[in-house]
């Protein structure tokens, strides 16, 4: 080897740094997984049943925090229970229930604290037939009903499977 030959070589240099585009396959997979997780999260958050349940629990907290008279609380709790049941179970199953049949329905779907005397005093106080101070029992029963009531498909309700029906929303009056 002659020194003149080595002097003719180009100077040593590093290869260019790798570009950021296109990403490696692992980044594509991560992007797809993140988009799927985002789509599932949006679907879960916007699910009408969960929205109704969250709205009902929020309204129940407001009733609990409000120190109005017992009759106003009873009316608010009864209205909340009725609207939530209509939203979850549908009008065909709930709208005609009154009195003992209504209380039995609420008790059968999780509001067992409202079965018996507590439920009777709720209805009597809400509709002007008396005044009772079972406010905390009513709120506990309503909370249990809202938390444990499960939506049912139209098939489980015994209704035809048409998709054109509108759901009753708790936030609309």
N, C-alpha and C. Protein backbone atom coordinates (compact mmCIF):
# COMPACT_ATOMS: atom_id res chain seq x y z
N UNK A 1 0.84 -1.17 0.00
CA UNK A 1 0.00 0.00 0.00
C UNK A 1 0.89 1.25 0.00
N UNK A 2 0.53 2.07 -0.82
CA UNK A 2 1.30 3.30 -0.91
C UNK A 2 0.53 4.42 -0.24
N UNK A 3 1.29 5.34 0.34
CA UNK A 3 0.60 6.46 1.01
C UNK A 3 -0.18 7.33 0.03
N UNK A 4 0.21 7.40 -1.20
CA UNK A 4 -0.52 8.24 -2.15
C UNK A 4 -1.92 7.67 -2.43
N UNK A 5 -2.00 6.36 -2.39
CA UNK A 5 -3.30 5.74 -2.64
C UNK A 5 -4.27 6.06 -1.50
N UNK A 6 -3.85 6.04 -0.24
CA UNK A 6 -4.71 6.34 0.90
C UNK A 6 -5.15 7.80 0.89
N UNK A 7 -4.33 8.66 0.39
CA UNK A 7 -4.70 10.07 0.37
C UNK A 7 -5.78 10.36 -0.66
N UNK A 8 -6.00 9.43 -1.58
CA UNK A 8 -7.03 9.63 -2.59
C UNK A 8 -8.42 9.21 -2.10
N UNK A 9 -8.52 8.52 -0.97
CA UNK A 9 -9.84 8.10 -0.46
C UNK A 9 -10.61 9.30 0.09
N UNK A 10 -11.91 9.22 0.04
CA UNK A 10 -12.77 10.28 0.59
C UNK A 10 -12.72 10.25 2.10
N UNK A 11 -12.94 11.39 2.76
CA UNK A 11 -12.91 11.38 4.23
C UNK A 11 -14.07 10.56 4.79
N UNK A 12 -13.85 9.97 5.98
CA UNK A 12 -14.88 9.15 6.63
C UNK A 12 -16.03 10.05 7.09
N UNK A 13 -17.24 9.58 6.92
CA UNK A 13 -18.40 10.32 7.39
C UNK A 13 -19.48 9.33 7.83
N UNK A 14 -20.35 9.79 8.73
CA UNK A 14 -21.42 8.94 9.28
C UNK A 14 -22.58 8.89 8.29
N UNK A 15 -23.33 7.80 8.33
CA UNK A 15 -24.51 7.75 7.45
C UNK A 15 -25.54 8.78 7.91
N UNK A 16 -26.46 9.18 7.05
CA UNK A 16 -27.46 10.17 7.45
C UNK A 16 -28.38 9.58 8.55
N UNK A 17 -28.89 10.41 9.44
CA UNK A 17 -29.78 9.90 10.49
C UNK A 17 -31.07 9.37 9.87
N UNK A 18 -31.67 8.39 10.51
CA UNK A 18 -32.91 7.83 9.94
C UNK A 18 -34.03 8.87 9.97
N UNK A 19 -34.88 8.88 8.98
CA UNK A 19 -36.00 9.81 8.91
C UNK A 19 -37.14 9.37 9.84
N UNK A 20 -38.00 10.30 10.17
CA UNK A 20 -39.11 9.98 11.06
C UNK A 20 -40.30 9.43 10.29
N UNK A 21 -40.25 9.54 8.98
CA UNK A 21 -41.35 9.01 8.19
C UNK A 21 -40.82 8.08 7.14
N UNK A 22 -41.37 6.98 6.89
CA UNK A 22 -42.56 6.35 7.50
C UNK A 22 -42.19 5.68 8.81
N UNK A 23 -43.14 5.65 9.74
CA UNK A 23 -42.87 5.01 11.02
C UNK A 23 -42.71 3.50 10.88
N UNK A 24 -42.09 2.95 11.87
CA UNK A 24 -41.90 1.51 11.90
C UNK A 24 -43.26 0.83 12.14
N UNK A 25 -43.37 -0.47 11.82
CA UNK A 25 -44.65 -1.17 12.00
C UNK A 25 -45.19 -1.13 13.44
N UNK A 26 -44.33 -1.11 14.41
CA UNK A 26 -44.79 -1.03 15.79
C UNK A 26 -45.55 0.25 16.08
N UNK A 27 -45.12 1.37 15.49
CA UNK A 27 -45.81 2.64 15.67
C UNK A 27 -47.17 2.62 14.99
N UNK A 28 -47.26 1.97 13.83
CA UNK A 28 -48.56 1.84 13.16
C UNK A 28 -49.52 1.02 14.03
N UNK A 29 -49.02 -0.05 14.60
CA UNK A 29 -49.85 -0.88 15.47
C UNK A 29 -50.31 -0.09 16.69
N UNK A 30 -49.42 0.68 17.29
CA UNK A 30 -49.78 1.51 18.43
C UNK A 30 -50.84 2.54 18.05
N UNK A 31 -50.71 3.15 16.88
CA UNK A 31 -51.70 4.13 16.43
C UNK A 31 -53.07 3.48 16.25
N UNK A 32 -53.11 2.29 15.67
CA UNK A 32 -54.39 1.59 15.48
C UNK A 32 -55.00 1.23 16.83
N UNK A 33 -54.18 0.77 17.76
CA UNK A 33 -54.70 0.43 19.09
C UNK A 33 -55.24 1.66 19.83
N UNK A 34 -54.53 2.78 19.71
CA UNK A 34 -55.00 4.01 20.35
C UNK A 34 -56.31 4.50 19.74
N UNK A 35 -56.44 4.43 18.43
CA UNK A 35 -57.69 4.82 17.79
C UNK A 35 -58.84 3.91 18.20
N UNK A 36 -58.58 2.61 18.29
CA UNK A 36 -59.61 1.68 18.72
C UNK A 36 -60.03 1.95 20.16
N UNK A 37 -59.05 2.21 21.02
CA UNK A 37 -59.36 2.51 22.42
C UNK A 37 -60.15 3.81 22.53
N UNK A 38 -59.82 4.79 21.73
CA UNK A 38 -60.55 6.05 21.72
C UNK A 38 -61.99 5.85 21.24
N UNK A 39 -62.18 5.06 20.21
CA UNK A 39 -63.52 4.79 19.70
C UNK A 39 -64.37 4.06 20.74
N UNK A 40 -63.79 3.07 21.40
CA UNK A 40 -64.53 2.34 22.44
C UNK A 40 -64.85 3.27 23.61
N UNK A 41 -63.91 4.13 23.98
CA UNK A 41 -64.15 5.08 25.07
C UNK A 41 -65.27 6.05 24.76
N UNK A 42 -65.29 6.57 23.53
CA UNK A 42 -66.37 7.48 23.13
C UNK A 42 -67.70 6.75 23.11
N UNK A 43 -67.72 5.54 22.55
CA UNK A 43 -68.96 4.76 22.54
C UNK A 43 -69.42 4.50 23.97
N UNK A 44 -68.55 4.11 24.86
CA UNK A 44 -68.93 3.81 26.24
C UNK A 44 -69.47 5.05 26.93
N UNK A 45 -68.81 6.19 26.72
CA UNK A 45 -69.22 7.43 27.39
C UNK A 45 -70.56 7.92 26.87
N UNK A 46 -70.83 7.74 25.59
CA UNK A 46 -72.06 8.26 24.98
C UNK A 46 -73.20 7.26 24.99
N UNK A 47 -73.02 6.10 25.55
CA UNK A 47 -74.07 5.09 25.62
C UNK A 47 -75.29 5.68 26.34
N UNK A 48 -76.46 5.66 25.73
CA UNK A 48 -77.63 6.30 26.34
C UNK A 48 -77.97 5.77 27.73
N UNK A 49 -77.80 4.48 27.96
CA UNK A 49 -78.11 3.94 29.29
C UNK A 49 -77.17 4.53 30.34
N UNK A 50 -75.90 4.56 30.05
CA UNK A 50 -74.95 5.11 31.01
C UNK A 50 -75.17 6.61 31.22
N UNK A 51 -75.52 7.31 30.16
CA UNK A 51 -75.82 8.74 30.30
C UNK A 51 -77.03 8.94 31.19
N UNK A 52 -78.06 8.12 31.01
CA UNK A 52 -79.26 8.23 31.85
C UNK A 52 -78.93 7.93 33.30
N UNK A 53 -78.12 6.92 33.49
CA UNK A 53 -77.75 6.54 34.86
C UNK A 53 -76.93 7.64 35.54
N UNK A 54 -75.94 8.19 34.82
CA UNK A 54 -75.15 9.27 35.39
C UNK A 54 -76.01 10.49 35.70
N UNK A 55 -76.94 10.82 34.79
CA UNK A 55 -77.82 11.97 35.02
C UNK A 55 -78.71 11.73 36.22
N UNK A 56 -79.22 10.51 36.37
CA UNK A 56 -80.08 10.19 37.51
C UNK A 56 -79.31 10.27 38.81
N UNK A 57 -78.10 9.75 38.84
CA UNK A 57 -77.30 9.82 40.07
C UNK A 57 -76.91 11.25 40.40
N UNK A 58 -76.65 12.05 39.38
CA UNK A 58 -76.33 13.47 39.60
C UNK A 58 -77.55 14.20 40.18
N UNK A 59 -78.73 13.91 39.63
CA UNK A 59 -79.94 14.54 40.15
C UNK A 59 -80.24 14.07 41.57
N UNK A 60 -79.97 12.81 41.85
CA UNK A 60 -80.19 12.29 43.21
C UNK A 60 -79.24 12.96 44.20
N UNK A 61 -78.01 13.20 43.80
CA UNK A 61 -77.09 13.94 44.68
C UNK A 61 -77.60 15.35 44.94
N UNK A 62 -78.19 15.97 43.93
CA UNK A 62 -78.74 17.32 44.10
C UNK A 62 -79.93 17.29 45.06
N UNK A 63 -80.76 16.27 44.97
CA UNK A 63 -81.90 16.14 45.89
C UNK A 63 -81.39 15.95 47.31
N UNK A 64 -80.37 15.13 47.46
CA UNK A 64 -79.80 14.89 48.80
C UNK A 64 -79.21 16.17 49.39
N UNK A 65 -78.56 16.97 48.56
CA UNK A 65 -77.93 18.21 49.04
C UNK A 65 -78.96 19.30 49.32
N UNK A 66 -80.10 19.24 48.65
CA UNK A 66 -81.13 20.26 48.82
C UNK A 66 -81.88 20.01 50.13
N UNK A 67 -81.96 21.03 50.95
CA UNK A 67 -82.65 20.88 52.24
C UNK A 67 -84.05 21.47 52.19
N UNK A 68 -84.77 21.20 51.11
CA UNK A 68 -86.13 21.70 51.00
C UNK A 68 -87.06 20.82 51.85
N UNK A 69 -88.31 21.14 51.80
CA UNK A 69 -89.25 20.37 52.63
C UNK A 69 -89.35 18.92 52.16
N UNK A 70 -89.88 18.10 53.01
CA UNK A 70 -89.93 16.65 52.76
C UNK A 70 -90.84 16.33 51.58
N UNK A 71 -91.93 17.07 51.44
CA UNK A 71 -92.86 16.81 50.33
C UNK A 71 -92.19 17.09 48.99
N UNK A 72 -91.42 18.17 48.89
CA UNK A 72 -90.72 18.48 47.64
C UNK A 72 -89.67 17.41 47.33
N UNK A 73 -89.00 16.93 48.35
CA UNK A 73 -88.03 15.85 48.15
C UNK A 73 -88.72 14.58 47.67
N UNK A 74 -89.86 14.26 48.28
CA UNK A 74 -90.60 13.05 47.88
C UNK A 74 -91.06 13.16 46.43
N UNK A 75 -91.57 14.33 46.03
CA UNK A 75 -92.00 14.52 44.65
C UNK A 75 -90.81 14.40 43.69
N UNK A 76 -89.69 14.98 44.06
CA UNK A 76 -88.50 14.91 43.20
C UNK A 76 -87.99 13.48 43.07
N UNK A 77 -87.97 12.73 44.15
CA UNK A 77 -87.50 11.34 44.11
C UNK A 77 -88.45 10.49 43.28
N UNK A 78 -89.75 10.66 43.48
CA UNK A 78 -90.74 9.89 42.71
C UNK A 78 -90.62 10.20 41.22
N UNK A 79 -90.47 11.47 40.89
CA UNK A 79 -90.33 11.87 39.49
C UNK A 79 -89.05 11.29 38.88
N UNK A 80 -87.98 11.34 39.63
CA UNK A 80 -86.71 10.78 39.17
C UNK A 80 -86.83 9.28 38.92
N UNK A 81 -87.41 8.57 39.86
CA UNK A 81 -87.58 7.12 39.70
C UNK A 81 -88.42 6.80 38.47
N UNK A 82 -89.49 7.54 38.28
CA UNK A 82 -90.39 7.29 37.15
C UNK A 82 -89.68 7.57 35.83
N UNK A 83 -88.99 8.71 35.72
CA UNK A 83 -88.30 9.04 34.47
C UNK A 83 -87.18 8.06 34.16
N UNK A 84 -86.45 7.65 35.20
CA UNK A 84 -85.36 6.69 34.96
C UNK A 84 -85.92 5.34 34.51
N UNK A 85 -86.98 4.90 35.15
CA UNK A 85 -87.59 3.62 34.76
C UNK A 85 -88.12 3.69 33.33
N UNK A 86 -88.71 4.81 32.95
CA UNK A 86 -89.18 4.96 31.57
C UNK A 86 -88.02 4.91 30.58
N UNK A 87 -86.91 5.54 30.93
CA UNK A 87 -85.75 5.55 30.04
C UNK A 87 -85.13 4.17 29.91
N UNK A 88 -85.10 3.41 31.00
CA UNK A 88 -84.41 2.12 31.00
C UNK A 88 -85.31 0.99 30.52
N UNK A 89 -86.53 0.94 31.03
CA UNK A 89 -87.40 -0.20 30.75
C UNK A 89 -88.43 0.07 29.68
N UNK A 90 -88.64 1.30 29.31
CA UNK A 90 -89.59 1.64 28.26
C UNK A 90 -90.99 1.92 28.80
N UNK A 91 -91.72 2.71 28.05
CA UNK A 91 -93.05 3.13 28.47
C UNK A 91 -94.04 1.97 28.51
N UNK A 92 -93.89 1.01 27.62
CA UNK A 92 -94.83 -0.10 27.57
C UNK A 92 -94.83 -0.91 28.87
N UNK A 93 -93.72 -0.91 29.54
CA UNK A 93 -93.59 -1.71 30.75
C UNK A 93 -93.83 -0.91 32.03
N UNK A 94 -93.61 0.39 32.00
CA UNK A 94 -93.59 1.18 33.23
C UNK A 94 -94.75 2.17 33.34
N UNK A 95 -95.21 2.72 32.24
CA UNK A 95 -96.10 3.87 32.27
C UNK A 95 -97.40 3.61 33.03
N UNK A 96 -97.93 2.43 33.00
CA UNK A 96 -99.21 2.15 33.64
C UNK A 96 -99.11 1.71 35.08
N UNK A 97 -97.91 1.54 35.59
CA UNK A 97 -97.75 1.08 36.96
C UNK A 97 -98.03 2.20 37.95
N UNK A 98 -98.83 1.90 38.95
CA UNK A 98 -99.13 2.87 40.01
C UNK A 98 -99.20 2.13 41.34
N UNK A 99 -99.09 2.88 42.42
CA UNK A 99 -99.29 2.34 43.76
C UNK A 99 -98.41 1.15 44.08
N UNK A 100 -99.06 0.08 44.56
CA UNK A 100 -98.33 -1.12 44.98
C UNK A 100 -97.62 -1.80 43.82
N UNK A 101 -98.23 -1.77 42.62
CA UNK A 101 -97.58 -2.38 41.46
C UNK A 101 -96.29 -1.63 41.12
N UNK A 102 -96.32 -0.31 41.23
CA UNK A 102 -95.11 0.50 40.97
C UNK A 102 -94.04 0.19 42.00
N UNK A 103 -94.41 0.14 43.26
CA UNK A 103 -93.43 -0.15 44.32
C UNK A 103 -92.86 -1.56 44.17
N UNK A 104 -93.70 -2.52 43.77
CA UNK A 104 -93.21 -3.88 43.56
C UNK A 104 -92.22 -3.91 42.40
N UNK A 105 -92.50 -3.14 41.35
CA UNK A 105 -91.58 -3.07 40.22
C UNK A 105 -90.24 -2.48 40.65
N UNK A 106 -90.28 -1.38 41.40
CA UNK A 106 -89.04 -0.74 41.86
C UNK A 106 -88.26 -1.70 42.76
N UNK A 107 -88.97 -2.38 43.66
CA UNK A 107 -88.30 -3.31 44.56
C UNK A 107 -87.71 -4.49 43.80
N UNK A 108 -88.40 -4.96 42.77
CA UNK A 108 -87.91 -6.10 41.99
C UNK A 108 -86.67 -5.76 41.18
N UNK A 109 -86.47 -4.49 40.91
CA UNK A 109 -85.32 -4.07 40.11
C UNK A 109 -84.27 -3.34 40.92
N UNK A 110 -84.19 -3.63 42.20
CA UNK A 110 -83.08 -3.13 42.99
C UNK A 110 -83.43 -2.17 44.11
N UNK A 111 -84.59 -1.55 44.08
CA UNK A 111 -84.94 -0.59 45.11
C UNK A 111 -85.66 -1.23 46.28
N UNK A 112 -85.06 -2.26 46.86
CA UNK A 112 -85.74 -3.02 47.91
C UNK A 112 -86.03 -2.18 49.15
N UNK A 113 -85.28 -1.09 49.36
CA UNK A 113 -85.55 -0.23 50.51
C UNK A 113 -86.90 0.47 50.36
N UNK A 114 -87.42 0.55 49.13
CA UNK A 114 -88.70 1.21 48.91
C UNK A 114 -89.88 0.25 48.93
N UNK A 115 -89.62 -1.00 49.25
CA UNK A 115 -90.72 -1.96 49.39
C UNK A 115 -91.33 -1.78 50.77
N UNK A 116 -92.60 -1.94 50.85
CA UNK A 116 -93.26 -1.86 52.15
C UNK A 116 -93.56 -0.44 52.59
N UNK A 117 -93.34 -0.19 53.87
CA UNK A 117 -93.75 1.08 54.48
C UNK A 117 -93.00 2.29 53.91
N UNK A 118 -91.71 2.16 53.66
CA UNK A 118 -90.94 3.30 53.14
C UNK A 118 -91.49 3.74 51.78
N UNK A 119 -91.82 2.80 50.93
CA UNK A 119 -92.38 3.14 49.62
C UNK A 119 -93.76 3.76 49.75
N UNK A 120 -94.56 3.23 50.65
CA UNK A 120 -95.91 3.79 50.87
C UNK A 120 -95.82 5.23 51.36
N UNK A 121 -94.89 5.49 52.28
CA UNK A 121 -94.76 6.86 52.77
C UNK A 121 -94.21 7.79 51.69
N UNK A 122 -93.34 7.28 50.82
CA UNK A 122 -92.85 8.08 49.70
C UNK A 122 -94.01 8.51 48.81
N UNK A 123 -94.84 7.55 48.42
CA UNK A 123 -95.97 7.87 47.54
C UNK A 123 -96.97 8.79 48.24
N UNK A 124 -97.25 8.51 49.50
CA UNK A 124 -98.21 9.34 50.23
C UNK A 124 -97.70 10.77 50.38
N UNK A 125 -96.43 10.93 50.66
CA UNK A 125 -95.86 12.27 50.84
C UNK A 125 -95.74 12.98 49.49
N UNK A 126 -95.38 12.26 48.46
CA UNK A 126 -95.22 12.88 47.15
C UNK A 126 -96.55 13.36 46.58
N UNK A 127 -97.61 12.64 46.85
CA UNK A 127 -98.90 12.99 46.27
C UNK A 127 -99.85 13.63 47.28
N UNK A 128 -99.30 14.16 48.37
CA UNK A 128 -100.08 14.98 49.30
C UNK A 128 -100.90 14.25 50.32
N UNK A 129 -100.68 12.98 50.51
CA UNK A 129 -101.50 12.22 51.46
C UNK A 129 -100.93 12.17 52.86
N UNK A 130 -99.82 12.76 53.11
CA UNK A 130 -99.24 12.70 54.44
C UNK A 130 -97.82 13.24 54.41
N UNK A 131 -97.25 13.29 55.59
CA UNK A 131 -95.87 13.77 55.69
C UNK A 131 -95.09 12.81 56.56
N UNK A 132 -93.99 12.33 56.02
CA UNK A 132 -93.14 11.40 56.75
C UNK A 132 -91.71 11.92 56.67
N UNK A 133 -90.90 11.46 57.57
CA UNK A 133 -89.51 11.91 57.57
C UNK A 133 -88.56 10.76 57.25
N UNK A 134 -88.91 9.97 56.23
CA UNK A 134 -88.06 8.86 55.79
C UNK A 134 -87.19 9.26 54.60
N UNK A 135 -86.83 10.51 54.53
CA UNK A 135 -86.12 11.04 53.37
C UNK A 135 -84.86 10.25 53.05
N UNK A 136 -84.06 9.91 54.02
CA UNK A 136 -82.81 9.17 53.76
C UNK A 136 -83.09 7.76 53.26
N UNK A 137 -84.14 7.13 53.75
CA UNK A 137 -84.51 5.79 53.25
C UNK A 137 -84.97 5.87 51.80
N UNK A 138 -85.70 6.93 51.46
CA UNK A 138 -86.15 7.10 50.09
C UNK A 138 -84.96 7.31 49.16
N UNK A 139 -84.03 8.15 49.59
CA UNK A 139 -82.85 8.42 48.76
C UNK A 139 -82.01 7.16 48.61
N UNK A 140 -81.85 6.40 49.68
CA UNK A 140 -81.08 5.15 49.61
C UNK A 140 -81.76 4.16 48.67
N UNK A 141 -83.08 4.06 48.74
CA UNK A 141 -83.81 3.16 47.84
C UNK A 141 -83.72 3.60 46.39
N UNK A 142 -83.83 4.90 46.15
CA UNK A 142 -83.71 5.41 44.78
C UNK A 142 -82.31 5.19 44.24
N UNK A 143 -81.30 5.40 45.08
CA UNK A 143 -79.91 5.17 44.67
C UNK A 143 -79.69 3.71 44.31
N UNK A 144 -80.21 2.81 45.13
CA UNK A 144 -80.06 1.37 44.85
C UNK A 144 -80.78 1.00 43.56
N UNK A 145 -81.97 1.57 43.33
CA UNK A 145 -82.71 1.27 42.10
C UNK A 145 -81.94 1.74 40.87
N UNK A 146 -81.43 2.97 40.92
CA UNK A 146 -80.71 3.52 39.76
C UNK A 146 -79.44 2.72 39.50
N UNK A 147 -78.73 2.35 40.54
CA UNK A 147 -77.47 1.62 40.35
C UNK A 147 -77.67 0.18 39.89
N UNK A 148 -78.79 -0.45 40.27
CA UNK A 148 -78.92 -1.87 39.94
C UNK A 148 -79.88 -2.16 38.79
N UNK A 149 -80.67 -1.19 38.38
CA UNK A 149 -81.58 -1.42 37.25
C UNK A 149 -80.76 -1.61 35.98
N UNK A 150 -81.07 -2.63 35.25
CA UNK A 150 -80.34 -2.93 34.02
C UNK A 150 -81.26 -2.71 32.83
N UNK A 151 -80.69 -2.13 31.79
CA UNK A 151 -81.50 -1.93 30.60
C UNK A 151 -81.81 -3.28 29.98
N UNK A 152 -82.89 -3.31 29.29
CA UNK A 152 -83.29 -4.54 28.64
C UNK A 152 -83.48 -4.27 27.16
N UNK A 153 -83.16 -5.25 26.37
CA UNK A 153 -83.36 -5.11 24.94
C UNK A 153 -84.84 -5.20 24.65
N UNK A 154 -85.22 -4.75 23.48
CA UNK A 154 -86.63 -4.81 23.10
C UNK A 154 -87.11 -6.26 23.08
N UNK A 155 -86.23 -7.17 22.75
CA UNK A 155 -86.59 -8.58 22.72
C UNK A 155 -86.92 -9.08 24.12
N UNK A 156 -86.12 -8.68 25.12
CA UNK A 156 -86.37 -9.09 26.50
C UNK A 156 -87.65 -8.47 27.04
N UNK A 157 -88.02 -7.30 26.53
CA UNK A 157 -89.23 -6.64 26.97
C UNK A 157 -90.47 -7.22 26.30
N UNK A 158 -90.25 -8.06 25.28
CA UNK A 158 -91.38 -8.63 24.56
C UNK A 158 -91.94 -7.69 23.52
N UNK A 159 -91.14 -6.74 23.05
CA UNK A 159 -91.58 -5.76 22.06
C UNK A 159 -91.00 -6.11 20.71
N UNK A 160 -91.64 -5.63 19.63
CA UNK A 160 -91.07 -5.87 18.30
C UNK A 160 -89.74 -5.15 18.14
N UNK A 161 -88.91 -5.68 17.27
CA UNK A 161 -87.56 -5.15 17.08
C UNK A 161 -87.55 -4.07 16.00
N UNK A 162 -88.16 -2.91 16.24
CA UNK A 162 -88.02 -1.81 15.29
C UNK A 162 -87.05 -0.80 15.86
N UNK A 163 -86.26 -0.21 14.99
CA UNK A 163 -85.20 0.68 15.45
C UNK A 163 -85.61 2.14 15.40
N UNK A 164 -86.84 2.44 15.07
CA UNK A 164 -87.25 3.83 14.93
C UNK A 164 -87.76 4.47 16.19
N UNK A 165 -87.70 3.80 17.33
CA UNK A 165 -88.23 4.39 18.56
C UNK A 165 -87.22 5.32 19.18
N UNK A 166 -87.68 6.36 19.79
CA UNK A 166 -86.81 7.34 20.45
C UNK A 166 -86.75 7.03 21.94
N UNK A 167 -85.58 7.18 22.51
CA UNK A 167 -85.41 6.92 23.93
C UNK A 167 -85.80 8.15 24.73
N UNK A 168 -86.37 7.94 25.91
CA UNK A 168 -86.71 9.03 26.80
C UNK A 168 -85.45 9.41 27.54
N UNK A 169 -85.10 10.67 27.53
CA UNK A 169 -83.88 11.13 28.18
C UNK A 169 -84.24 11.80 29.50
N UNK A 170 -83.40 11.59 30.48
CA UNK A 170 -83.64 12.19 31.79
C UNK A 170 -83.44 13.69 31.78
N UNK A 171 -82.52 14.18 30.99
CA UNK A 171 -82.20 15.59 31.00
C UNK A 171 -83.25 16.46 30.36
N UNK A 172 -84.20 15.89 29.63
CA UNK A 172 -85.23 16.68 28.95
C UNK A 172 -86.51 16.62 29.74
N UNK A 173 -87.11 17.76 29.93
CA UNK A 173 -88.39 17.80 30.67
C UNK A 173 -89.45 18.42 29.80
